[in-house]
Amino acid sequence: MNETGTTSLQNTLYANRQILLENNLLYSETGLTNPETCHYKFSTWFGFRDINAGIMPKSDLSQELAELNAEIERSECSNIIISSECFVLPGNFEALESFLSQYQVRIIVYLRRHDDWWVSLYSQALKMVSNPPWPAGLTGYLDFNQQNCPRIGDYRALLDKWAEVFGGENLIVRPFEQEQNQPNLITDFLTAIGFSNLPAKIRHPEKLANLSLSYNATELLEIASKIKVTEKQCDKIKQFACAMKSSPSNQHWLSPEQRMRLIDKYQADYRYIAETYMNRAEGQLFHSATIEPDPDWRPPTQMGTVQAVNQILEILELAS
């Protein structure tokens, strides 16, 4: 699932390809999108990035399958990892299943509680979408998407579709939260796929991947996305915003009431997923603390439009 540490996980796996190879685990080069460390190209072959574009012609798919088989044969590994968060998008599941029919497939998916997932999704959207259609601010983004794209964040429907094609017994579902990913995400992932001996050998890239935006950075990007600037100028603003340090405050961007509504909306799905795909009889998917009403909650301190505009003008002046 997107916004569940996938970039960090992919970067770590890619940086440790040799160690993985020595332990009978191949992080495939076939299907990688250069210079990325994820298999966006692989998911695109089956329409998972743009379903309207269809899938790759069968002749080309046969060539890619031959390359994948050749890479596996050269590696002498019996286990292979393909990683792309684009698999959460609509795509041609049947063509993918046919392509992988000669392999024993396991699907591992991380799920994040929705009150945290939406905040992260909003930050990522601001980095990627120019002139966004939603009203300014996180609440505007959340309301717009829930009204216009109601299937976004429907974990149950996503898992059921993958289970329908590949079998529920082949789905490995892991909650993305610190309480259940100890001591870290890469350890949790490798343990989940049966390589609990590997985490001690893994080296972690020094550069952190896909750092979260600060609240004030989102203000800059909201304004920058709606003014007329060149692509180069927009990139400069994004670089500056991504480098802004987050406030040490742990204040959540959504109010307790908003968080409670989101969690309540999906509570039945959480129970279903825990029981159906994780064999948790108690039906508890996430272990994070329950959200309670807090009359003292205040939103994070805003930069304000005037200060944000002045900051953008300063960035553009320095870039000129």
Protein backbone atom coordinates (compact mmCIF):
# COMPACT_ATOMS: atom_id res chain seq x y z
CA MET A 1 0.00 0.00 0.00
CA ASN A 2 1.28 3.49 -0.74
CA GLU A 3 2.35 5.70 2.20
CA THR A 4 3.50 2.74 4.28
CA GLY A 5 7.25 3.18 4.14
CA THR A 6 7.53 1.59 0.72
CA THR A 7 10.22 3.98 -0.59
CA SER A 8 12.44 3.35 2.42
CA LEU A 9 11.89 -0.38 2.15
CA GLN A 10 12.64 -0.44 -1.57
CA ASN A 11 15.79 1.65 -1.17
CA THR A 12 17.06 -0.63 1.58
CA LEU A 13 16.38 -3.78 -0.43
CA TYR A 14 18.02 -2.29 -3.51
CA ALA A 15 21.10 -1.19 -1.55
CA ASN A 16 21.45 -4.72 -0.17
CA ARG A 17 20.98 -6.67 -3.40
CA GLN A 18 24.28 -8.51 -3.02
CA ILE A 19 23.55 -9.56 0.55
CA LEU A 20 20.10 -10.74 -0.52
CA LEU A 21 21.61 -12.72 -3.40
CA GLU A 22 24.00 -14.46 -1.06
CA ASN A 23 20.97 -15.55 0.96
CA ASN A 24 18.86 -16.95 -1.89
CA LEU A 25 16.76 -13.80 -2.35
CA LEU A 26 16.72 -11.78 -5.59
CA TYR A 27 15.59 -8.16 -5.73
CA SER A 28 14.89 -8.17 -9.44
CA GLU A 29 16.53 -5.71 -11.83
CA THR A 30 13.90 -6.64 -14.42
CA GLY A 31 10.99 -4.21 -14.19
CA LEU A 32 12.83 -1.51 -12.21
CA THR A 33 12.19 2.09 -13.23
CA ASN A 34 15.51 3.90 -13.45
CA PRO A 35 16.65 5.75 -11.44
CA GLU A 36 14.02 4.46 -9.01
CA THR A 37 14.53 1.42 -6.81
CA CYS A 38 10.95 0.16 -7.24
CA HIS A 39 9.30 -1.94 -9.94
CA TYR A 40 7.00 0.71 -11.39
CA LYS A 41 7.80 -0.54 -14.87
CA PHE A 42 6.66 -4.03 -13.89
CA SER A 43 3.28 -2.84 -12.58
CA THR A 44 2.84 -0.58 -15.62
CA TRP A 45 3.12 -3.60 -17.93
CA PHE A 46 -0.26 -4.73 -16.60
CA GLY A 47 -1.99 -1.36 -16.52
CA PHE A 48 -1.60 -0.75 -12.79
CA ARG A 49 -0.37 2.78 -13.39
CA ASP A 50 -2.79 3.78 -16.11
CA ILE A 51 -5.51 1.23 -16.74
CA ASN A 52 -6.74 3.24 -19.73
CA ALA A 53 -3.45 2.54 -21.50
CA GLY A 54 -4.10 -1.21 -21.32
CA ILE A 55 -1.41 -3.82 -20.85
CA MET A 56 1.76 -4.48 -22.78
CA PRO A 57 1.32 -6.54 -26.00
CA LYS A 58 1.73 -10.30 -25.45
CA SER A 59 4.85 -10.44 -27.59
CA ASP A 60 6.54 -7.80 -25.42
CA LEU A 61 5.36 -9.49 -22.22
CA SER A 62 6.89 -12.74 -23.43
CA GLN A 63 10.20 -10.95 -23.91
CA GLU A 64 10.04 -9.44 -20.41
CA LEU A 65 9.19 -12.85 -18.94
CA ALA A 66 12.18 -14.33 -20.73
CA GLU A 67 14.41 -11.59 -19.26
CA LEU A 68 13.00 -12.22 -15.79
CA ASN A 69 13.58 -15.97 -16.11
CA ALA A 70 17.11 -15.36 -17.35
CA GLU A 71 17.86 -13.07 -14.40
CA ILE A 72 16.51 -15.65 -11.96
CA GLU A 73 18.58 -18.38 -13.59
CA ARG A 74 21.74 -16.29 -13.42
CA SER A 75 21.13 -15.49 -9.76
CA GLU A 76 20.47 -19.13 -8.84
CA CYS A 77 17.93 -17.80 -6.32
CA SER A 78 14.65 -19.55 -5.63
CA ASN A 79 13.03 -16.43 -4.13
CA ILE A 80 12.40 -13.11 -5.89
CA ILE A 81 11.00 -9.76 -4.73
CA ILE A 82 8.93 -7.45 -6.95
CA SER A 83 7.84 -4.21 -5.23
CA SER A 84 5.53 -1.49 -6.52
CA GLU A 85 2.90 0.48 -4.61
CA CYS A 86 1.14 1.00 -7.96
CA PHE A 87 -0.35 -2.46 -7.49
CA VAL A 88 -2.99 -0.78 -5.30
CA LEU A 89 -4.38 0.88 -8.44
CA PRO A 90 -6.85 -0.78 -10.81
CA GLY A 91 -5.13 -3.06 -13.29
CA ASN A 92 -5.37 -6.30 -15.23
CA PHE A 93 -5.10 -8.88 -12.45
CA GLU A 94 -5.78 -11.80 -14.74
CA ALA A 95 -2.93 -10.86 -17.11
CA LEU A 96 -0.60 -10.48 -14.12
CA GLU A 97 -1.65 -13.88 -12.74
CA SER A 98 -1.08 -15.47 -16.14
CA PHE A 99 2.37 -13.87 -16.43
CA LEU A 100 3.36 -15.22 -13.01
CA SER A 101 1.61 -18.58 -13.36
CA GLN A 102 4.86 -20.56 -13.36
CA TYR A 103 5.83 -19.13 -9.96
CA GLN A 104 4.47 -19.65 -6.46
CA VAL A 105 3.31 -16.13 -5.67
CA ARG A 106 2.95 -14.50 -2.26
CA ILE A 107 1.59 -10.96 -1.93
CA ILE A 108 2.67 -8.90 1.06
CA VAL A 109 0.83 -5.66 1.79
CA TYR A 110 1.25 -3.12 4.55
CA LEU A 111 -1.81 -1.20 5.76
CA ARG A 112 -1.79 2.08 7.68
CA ARG A 113 -4.57 3.33 9.94
CA HIS A 114 -6.58 5.80 7.91
CA ASP A 115 -6.17 8.85 10.15
CA ASP A 116 -2.41 8.69 9.56
CA TRP A 117 -2.63 7.39 6.00
CA TRP A 118 -4.66 10.36 4.73
CA VAL A 119 -2.19 12.87 6.19
CA SER A 120 0.71 11.14 4.43
CA LEU A 121 -1.26 10.81 1.18
CA TYR A 122 -2.02 14.54 1.24
CA SER A 123 1.67 15.43 1.69
CA GLN A 124 2.65 13.18 -1.20
CA ALA A 125 -0.08 14.59 -3.44
CA LEU A 126 1.22 18.12 -2.92
CA LYS A 127 4.64 17.02 -4.18
CA MET A 128 3.21 15.43 -7.31
CA VAL A 129 0.04 17.25 -8.43
CA SER A 130 0.15 20.60 -10.21
CA ASN A 131 -2.89 22.87 -9.89
CA PRO A 132 -4.80 20.40 -7.67
CA PRO A 133 -8.61 20.35 -7.93
CA TRP A 134 -9.26 20.09 -4.18
CA PRO A 135 -9.85 23.08 -1.85
CA ALA A 136 -6.78 24.22 0.07
CA GLY A 137 -5.75 22.32 3.16
CA LEU A 138 -5.83 18.76 4.44
CA THR A 139 -9.55 18.85 5.25
CA GLY A 140 -10.30 20.11 1.73
CA TYR A 141 -8.21 17.30 0.26
CA LEU A 142 -9.86 14.68 2.45
CA ASP A 143 -13.42 15.83 1.75
CA PHE A 144 -12.77 16.16 -2.00
CA ASN A 145 -11.41 12.65 -2.35
CA GLN A 146 -14.01 10.99 -0.16
CA GLN A 147 -16.75 12.60 -2.24
CA ASN A 148 -15.21 12.08 -5.69
CA CYS A 149 -13.07 8.95 -5.24
CA PRO A 150 -14.88 6.87 -2.60
CA ARG A 151 -12.85 3.72 -3.36
CA ILE A 152 -9.58 5.34 -2.32
CA GLY A 153 -8.37 3.68 0.85
CA ASP A 154 -10.79 0.74 0.59
CA TYR A 155 -8.39 -1.85 2.01
CA ARG A 156 -10.98 -4.60 2.18
CA ALA A 157 -11.93 -4.38 -1.49
CA LEU A 158 -8.26 -4.29 -2.48
CA LEU A 159 -7.34 -7.39 -0.46
CA ASP A 160 -10.43 -9.29 -1.57
CA LYS A 161 -9.54 -8.66 -5.22
CA TRP A 162 -5.99 -9.94 -4.78
CA ALA A 163 -7.33 -12.93 -2.83
CA GLU A 164 -9.82 -13.68 -5.60
CA VAL A 165 -7.00 -13.91 -8.15
CA PHE A 166 -4.11 -15.37 -6.14
CA GLY A 167 -5.89 -16.99 -3.18
CA GLY A 168 -6.35 -15.58 0.30
CA GLU A 169 -3.81 -18.04 1.69
CA ASN A 170 -1.17 -16.29 -0.42
CA LEU A 171 -1.75 -12.83 1.09
CA ILE A 172 0.51 -11.65 3.91
CA VAL A 173 -1.04 -8.61 5.59
CA ARG A 174 1.04 -6.49 7.94
CA PRO A 175 -0.10 -3.36 9.81
CA PHE A 176 2.21 -0.39 9.28
CA GLU A 177 2.73 1.00 12.74
CA GLN A 178 5.71 1.19 15.06
CA GLU A 179 4.10 -1.02 17.69
CA GLN A 180 3.96 -3.94 15.23
CA ASN A 181 7.07 -3.27 13.13
CA GLN A 182 9.74 -3.84 15.76
CA PRO A 183 12.56 -3.04 15.72
CA ASN A 184 12.06 -1.58 12.22
CA LEU A 185 10.21 -2.04 8.95
CA ILE A 186 12.91 -3.99 7.07
CA THR A 187 13.12 -6.51 9.92
CA ASP A 188 9.35 -6.90 9.92
CA PHE A 189 9.28 -7.37 6.16
CA LEU A 190 12.07 -9.94 5.96
CA THR A 191 10.63 -11.87 8.90
CA ALA A 192 7.19 -11.87 7.30
CA ILE A 193 8.55 -13.48 4.13
CA GLY A 194 10.55 -16.09 6.01
CA PHE A 195 14.03 -14.54 6.17
CA SER A 196 14.33 -13.73 9.87
CA ASN A 197 18.07 -14.47 9.68
CA LEU A 198 18.72 -11.55 7.32
CA PRO A 199 17.99 -8.31 9.26
CA ALA A 200 21.28 -8.51 11.20
CA LYS A 201 23.19 -8.51 7.89
CA ILE A 202 21.35 -5.58 6.32
CA ARG A 203 23.01 -2.18 6.02
CA HIS A 204 20.72 0.82 6.04
CA PRO A 205 21.17 3.66 3.51
CA GLU A 206 22.38 6.83 5.25
CA LYS A 207 19.95 9.06 3.34
CA LEU A 208 16.39 8.78 4.58
CA ALA A 209 13.87 8.30 1.81
CA ASN A 210 10.72 10.28 1.11
CA LEU A 211 10.74 12.32 4.32
CA SER A 212 7.39 13.65 5.51
CA LEU A 213 6.61 17.30 4.86
CA SER A 214 6.25 19.75 7.72
CA TYR A 215 2.87 21.43 8.11
CA ASN A 216 4.30 24.77 6.95
CA ALA A 217 5.83 23.10 3.90
CA THR A 218 2.35 22.02 2.79
CA GLU A 219 1.26 25.67 2.98
CA LEU A 220 4.06 26.65 0.59
CA LEU A 221 3.21 23.85 -1.82
CA GLU A 222 -0.52 24.63 -1.74
CA ILE A 223 0.17 28.22 -2.83
CA ALA A 224 2.92 27.27 -5.29
CA SER A 225 0.60 24.81 -7.02
CA LYS A 226 -1.90 27.56 -7.79
CA ILE A 227 0.36 30.34 -9.07
CA LYS A 228 1.93 30.70 -12.48
CA VAL A 229 5.56 29.64 -12.20
CA THR A 230 7.84 27.73 -14.53
CA GLU A 231 8.53 24.05 -13.95
CA LYS A 232 12.06 24.94 -12.83
CA GLN A 233 10.74 27.49 -10.33
CA CYS A 234 8.18 25.00 -9.04
CA ASP A 235 10.95 22.44 -8.52
CA LYS A 236 12.94 24.99 -6.50
CA ILE A 237 9.95 25.66 -4.26
CA LYS A 238 9.41 21.91 -3.77
CA GLN A 239 13.07 21.39 -2.91
CA PHE A 240 12.91 24.14 -0.31
CA ALA A 241 9.64 22.83 1.16
CA CYS A 242 10.93 19.26 1.40
CA ALA A 243 14.01 20.52 3.26
CA MET A 244 11.98 22.41 5.88
CA LYS A 245 12.28 20.79 9.28
CA SER A 246 9.16 19.54 10.98
CA SER A 247 8.10 21.03 14.28
CA PRO A 248 9.05 18.89 17.29
CA SER A 249 5.37 18.96 18.31
CA ASN A 250 3.49 15.68 17.97
CA GLN A 251 0.27 17.55 17.27
CA HIS A 252 -1.77 15.63 14.71
CA TRP A 253 -2.94 17.55 11.64
CA LEU A 254 -6.48 16.19 11.96
CA SER A 255 -8.67 16.95 14.93
CA PRO A 256 -9.54 14.07 17.29
CA GLU A 257 -13.13 14.20 15.98
CA GLN A 258 -11.96 13.84 12.36
CA ARG A 259 -9.67 10.97 13.30
CA MET A 260 -12.42 9.20 15.23
CA ARG A 261 -14.81 9.50 12.28
CA LEU A 262 -12.25 8.00 9.92
CA ILE A 263 -11.45 5.11 12.23
CA ASP A 264 -15.14 4.44 12.90
CA LYS A 265 -15.83 4.43 9.15
CA TYR A 266 -13.37 1.58 8.57
CA GLN A 267 -13.63 -0.26 11.90
CA ALA A 268 -15.71 -3.11 10.45
CA ASP A 269 -13.19 -3.52 7.63
CA TYR A 270 -10.31 -3.57 10.12
CA ARG A 271 -11.99 -6.41 11.99
CA TYR A 272 -12.73 -8.32 8.77
CA ILE A 273 -9.13 -8.01 7.57
CA ALA A 274 -7.68 -9.05 10.93
CA GLU A 275 -9.93 -12.10 11.14
CA THR A 276 -9.85 -13.12 7.47
CA TYR A 277 -6.27 -12.45 6.42
CA MET A 278 -4.33 -12.49 9.71
CA ASN A 279 -6.22 -15.16 11.67
CA ARG A 280 -6.67 -12.77 14.59
CA ALA A 281 -9.74 -14.04 16.39
CA GLU A 282 -10.01 -10.83 18.42
CA GLY A 283 -10.30 -8.84 15.18
CA GLN A 284 -7.74 -6.19 16.10
CA LEU A 285 -5.76 -4.94 13.12
CA PHE A 286 -4.00 -1.91 14.63
CA HIS A 287 -2.52 -1.56 18.11
CA SER A 288 -2.09 2.23 18.20
CA ALA A 289 -3.80 4.06 21.02
CA THR A 290 -7.53 4.70 20.76
CA ILE A 291 -8.36 8.30 19.87
CA GLU A 292 -10.30 10.21 22.51
CA PRO A 293 -12.02 13.63 22.33
CA ASP A 294 -9.64 16.42 23.27
CA PRO A 295 -11.17 19.87 23.85
CA ASP A 296 -7.66 21.35 24.09
CA TRP A 297 -6.61 20.19 20.60
CA ARG A 298 -5.47 22.94 18.27
CA PRO A 299 -4.29 22.59 14.65
CA PRO A 300 -0.58 23.04 13.98
CA THR A 301 0.59 26.64 13.86
CA GLN A 302 0.13 28.04 10.39
CA MET A 303 2.67 30.12 8.52
CA GLY A 304 -0.07 32.27 7.07
CA THR A 305 -0.65 33.34 3.46
CA VAL A 306 1.40 36.54 3.61
CA GLN A 307 4.45 34.87 5.12
CA ALA A 308 4.14 31.93 2.74
CA VAL A 309 3.97 34.19 -0.31
CA ASN A 310 6.96 36.19 0.91
CA GLN A 311 8.86 32.95 1.42
CA ILE A 312 8.07 31.84 -2.13
CA LEU A 313 9.18 35.19 -3.54
CA GLU A 314 12.45 34.86 -1.64
CA ILE A 315 12.99 31.35 -2.99
CA LEU A 316 12.36 32.49 -6.56
CA GLU A 317 14.67 35.46 -6.12
CA LEU A 318 17.47 33.19 -4.92
CA ALA A 319 16.81 30.81 -7.81
CA SER A 320 16.97 33.53 -10.46
